[in-house]
C-alpha atoms as a PDB file:
ATOM      1  CA  UNK A   1      94.326  77.404  90.981  1.00  0.00           C
ATOM      2  CA  UNK A   2      91.068  77.253  89.501  1.00  0.00           C
ATOM      3  CA  UNK A   3      88.815  74.017  87.309  1.00  0.00           C
ATOM      4  CA  UNK A   4      86.919  74.977  84.246  1.00  0.00           C
ATOM      5  CA  UNK A   5      84.793  72.074  82.842  1.00  0.00           C
ATOM      6  CA  UNK A   6      84.133  72.069  78.986  1.00  0.00           C
ATOM      7  CA  UNK A   7      81.336  69.119  78.034  1.00  0.00           C
ATOM      8  CA  UNK A   8      82.740  65.768  78.815  1.00  0.00           C
ATOM      9  CA  UNK A   9      86.183  67.042  79.191  1.00  0.00           C
ATOM     10  CA  UNK A  10      87.699  68.541  82.390  1.00  0.00           C
ATOM     11  CA  UNK A  11      91.050  70.652  82.278  1.00  0.00           C
ATOM     12  CA  UNK A  12      92.812  72.604  84.589  1.00  0.00           C
ATOM     13  CA  UNK A  13      93.736  76.605  84.179  1.00  0.00           C
ATOM     14  CA  UNK A  14      96.653  77.602  85.997  1.00  0.00           C
ATOM     15  CA  UNK A  15      96.269  81.177  86.515  1.00  0.00           C
ATOM     16  CA  UNK A  16      99.428  83.294  86.954  1.00  0.00           C
ATOM     17  CA  UNK A  17      99.699  86.856  87.872  1.00  0.00           C
ATOM     18  CA  UNK A  18     102.697  89.418  87.784  1.00  0.00           C
ATOM     19  CA  UNK A  19     102.079  92.994  89.139  1.00  0.00           C
ATOM     20  CA  UNK A  20     104.952  95.003  88.065  1.00  0.00           C
ATOM     21  CA  UNK A  21     105.033  98.142  90.465  1.00  0.00           C
ATOM     22  CA  UNK A  22     103.139 101.322  89.884  1.00  0.00           C
ATOM     23  CA  UNK A  23     104.132 104.665  88.765  1.00  0.00           C
ATOM     24  CA  UNK A  24     104.162 105.646  92.291  1.00  0.00           C
ATOM     25  CA  UNK A  25     106.257 102.332  93.204  1.00  0.00           C
ATOM     26  CA  UNK A  26     109.027 103.827  96.104  1.00  0.00           C
ATOM     27  CA  UNK A  27     108.727 105.873  99.656  1.00  0.00           C
ATOM     28  CA  UNK A  28     107.806 108.907 100.246  1.00  0.00           C
ATOM     29  CA  UNK A  29     109.932 111.793 101.884  1.00  0.00           C
ATOM     30  CA  UNK A  30     108.594 115.561 102.322  1.00  0.00           C
ATOM     31  CA  UNK A  31     105.634 114.743  99.919  1.00  0.00           C
ATOM     32  CA  UNK A  32     107.662 113.405  96.969  1.00  0.00           C
ATOM     33  CA  UNK A  33     107.171 109.567  96.041  1.00  0.00           C
ATOM     34  CA  UNK A  34     109.680 108.076  93.882  1.00  0.00           C
ATOM     35  CA  UNK A  35     108.338 107.264  90.309  1.00  0.00           C
ATOM     36  CA  UNK A  36     109.618 104.550  88.046  1.00  0.00           C
ATOM     37  CA  UNK A  37     110.925 105.962  85.001  1.00  0.00           C
ATOM     38  CA  UNK A  38     110.329 105.187  81.018  1.00  0.00           C
ATOM     39  CA  UNK A  39     111.560 106.057  78.090  1.00  0.00           C
ATOM     40  CA  UNK A  40     114.530 107.557  77.149  1.00  0.00           C
ATOM     41  CA  UNK A  41     114.996 108.645  81.089  1.00  0.00           C
ATOM     42  CA  UNK A  42     115.321 104.808  81.884  1.00  0.00           C
ATOM     43  CA  UNK A  43     117.251 103.955  79.244  1.00  0.00           C
ATOM     44  CA  UNK A  44     119.988 106.521  79.813  1.00  0.00           C
ATOM     45  CA  UNK A  45     119.895 106.034  83.706  1.00  0.00           C
ATOM     46  CA  UNK A  46     120.082 102.343  83.179  1.00  0.00           C
ATOM     47  CA  UNK A  47     122.927 102.551  80.498  1.00  0.00           C
ATOM     48  CA  UNK A  48     124.775 105.126  82.953  1.00  0.00           C
ATOM     49  CA  UNK A  49     124.620 102.975  86.332  1.00  0.00           C
ATOM     50  CA  UNK A  50     125.412  99.544  84.504  1.00  0.00           C
ATOM     51  CA  UNK A  51     128.829 101.708  82.871  1.00  0.00           C
ATOM     52  CA  UNK A  52     129.407 101.683  86.410  1.00  0.00           C
ATOM     53  CA  UNK A  53     128.254  98.691  88.330  1.00  0.00           C
ATOM     54  CA  UNK A  54     127.657  94.953  86.286  1.00  0.00           C
ATOM     55  CA  UNK A  55     124.529  93.217  87.101  1.00  0.00           C
ATOM     56  CA  UNK A  56     120.846  93.158  86.876  1.00  0.00           C
ATOM     57  CA  UNK A  57     119.008  96.495  86.762  1.00  0.00           C
ATOM     58  CA  UNK A  58     115.454  95.669  89.037  1.00  0.00           C
ATOM     59  CA  UNK A  59     114.744  98.870  88.130  1.00  0.00           C
ATOM     60  CA  UNK A  60     115.306 102.384  87.250  1.00  0.00           C
ATOM     61  CA  UNK A  61     113.369 105.685  88.786  1.00  0.00           C
ATOM     62  CA  UNK A  62     113.554 108.625  90.375  1.00  0.00           C
ATOM     63  CA  UNK A  63     115.202 110.054  93.297  1.00  0.00           C
ATOM     64  CA  UNK A  64     113.490 111.937  96.499  1.00  0.00           C
ATOM     65  CA  UNK A  65     116.135 111.257  99.454  1.00  0.00           C
ATOM     66  CA  UNK A  66     119.434 112.887  98.047  1.00  0.00           C
ATOM     67  CA  UNK A  67     119.713 115.740  95.607  1.00  0.00           C
ATOM     68  CA  UNK A  68     120.595 113.698  92.384  1.00  0.00           C
ATOM     69  CA  UNK A  69     116.923 113.449  90.296  1.00  0.00           C
ATOM     70  CA  UNK A  70     117.662 109.143  89.268  1.00  0.00           C
ATOM     71  CA  UNK A  71     118.625 105.919  90.759  1.00  0.00           C
ATOM     72  CA  UNK A  72     119.380 102.859  89.509  1.00  0.00           C
ATOM     73  CA  UNK A  73     118.513  99.627  91.597  1.00  0.00           C
ATOM     74  CA  UNK A  74     120.934  97.080  90.801  1.00  0.00           C
ATOM     75  CA  UNK A  75     121.699  93.304  92.126  1.00  0.00           C
ATOM     76  CA  UNK A  76     125.573  92.148  91.897  1.00  0.00           C
ATOM     77  CA  UNK A  77     126.805  88.621  90.762  1.00  0.00           C
ATOM     78  CA  UNK A  78     127.165  88.174  94.102  1.00  0.00           C
ATOM     79  CA  UNK A  79     123.706  88.818  95.284  1.00  0.00           C
ATOM     80  CA  UNK A  80     125.047  92.402  96.504  1.00  0.00           C
ATOM     81  CA  UNK A  81     122.066  95.220  95.449  1.00  0.00           C
ATOM     82  CA  UNK A  82     123.278  98.605  95.320  1.00  0.00           C
ATOM     83  CA  UNK A  83     121.715 101.948  94.364  1.00  0.00           C
ATOM     84  CA  UNK A  84     123.544 103.774  91.547  1.00  0.00           C
ATOM     85  CA  UNK A  85     121.935 107.437  91.756  1.00  0.00           C
ATOM     86  CA  UNK A  86     122.716 109.601  88.718  1.00  0.00           C
ATOM     87  CA  UNK A  87     122.761 112.823  88.062  1.00  0.00           C
ATOM     88  CA  UNK A  88     120.535 114.469  85.200  1.00  0.00           C
ATOM     89  CA  UNK A  89     123.479 114.665  83.016  1.00  0.00           C
ATOM     90  CA  UNK A  90     123.127 111.183  83.465  1.00  0.00           C
ATOM     91  CA  UNK A  91     126.479 111.188  84.615  1.00  0.00           C
ATOM     92  CA  UNK A  92     127.110 108.867  87.760  1.00  0.00           C
ATOM     93  CA  UNK A  93     127.056 110.551  91.250  1.00  0.00           C
ATOM     94  CA  UNK A  94     127.475 108.046  93.665  1.00  0.00           C
ATOM     95  CA  UNK A  95     127.035 103.912  94.394  1.00  0.00           C
ATOM     96  CA  UNK A  96     125.531 103.093  98.034  1.00  0.00           C
ATOM     97  CA  UNK A  97     124.510  99.346  99.301  1.00  0.00           C
ATOM     98  CA  UNK A  98     120.753  99.626  98.594  1.00  0.00           C
ATOM     99  CA  UNK A  99     118.351  99.631 101.317  1.00  0.00           C
ATOM    100  CA  UNK A 100     115.394  98.128  99.905  1.00  0.00           C
END
């Protein structure tokens, strides 16, 4: 916590920092690193994943460790974390327990 003084009064300034994962946020396989999805692609992957599994989407990103190009990480109501693998046509290929 930082404190700053201004004239005769003192006040406390609370500094909070939130860091969103960088675009190169995932792990690397064979020289390729997973990257966060944005825009239309992110929206379509999110919709496909939520159509298969209900819960809260933690992130949607490229997938470098299987044959599907995209993945969504979802936390279900019971706390279970799953990875939904999504094809290029935005159909769901698989749902598996998340390892991250």
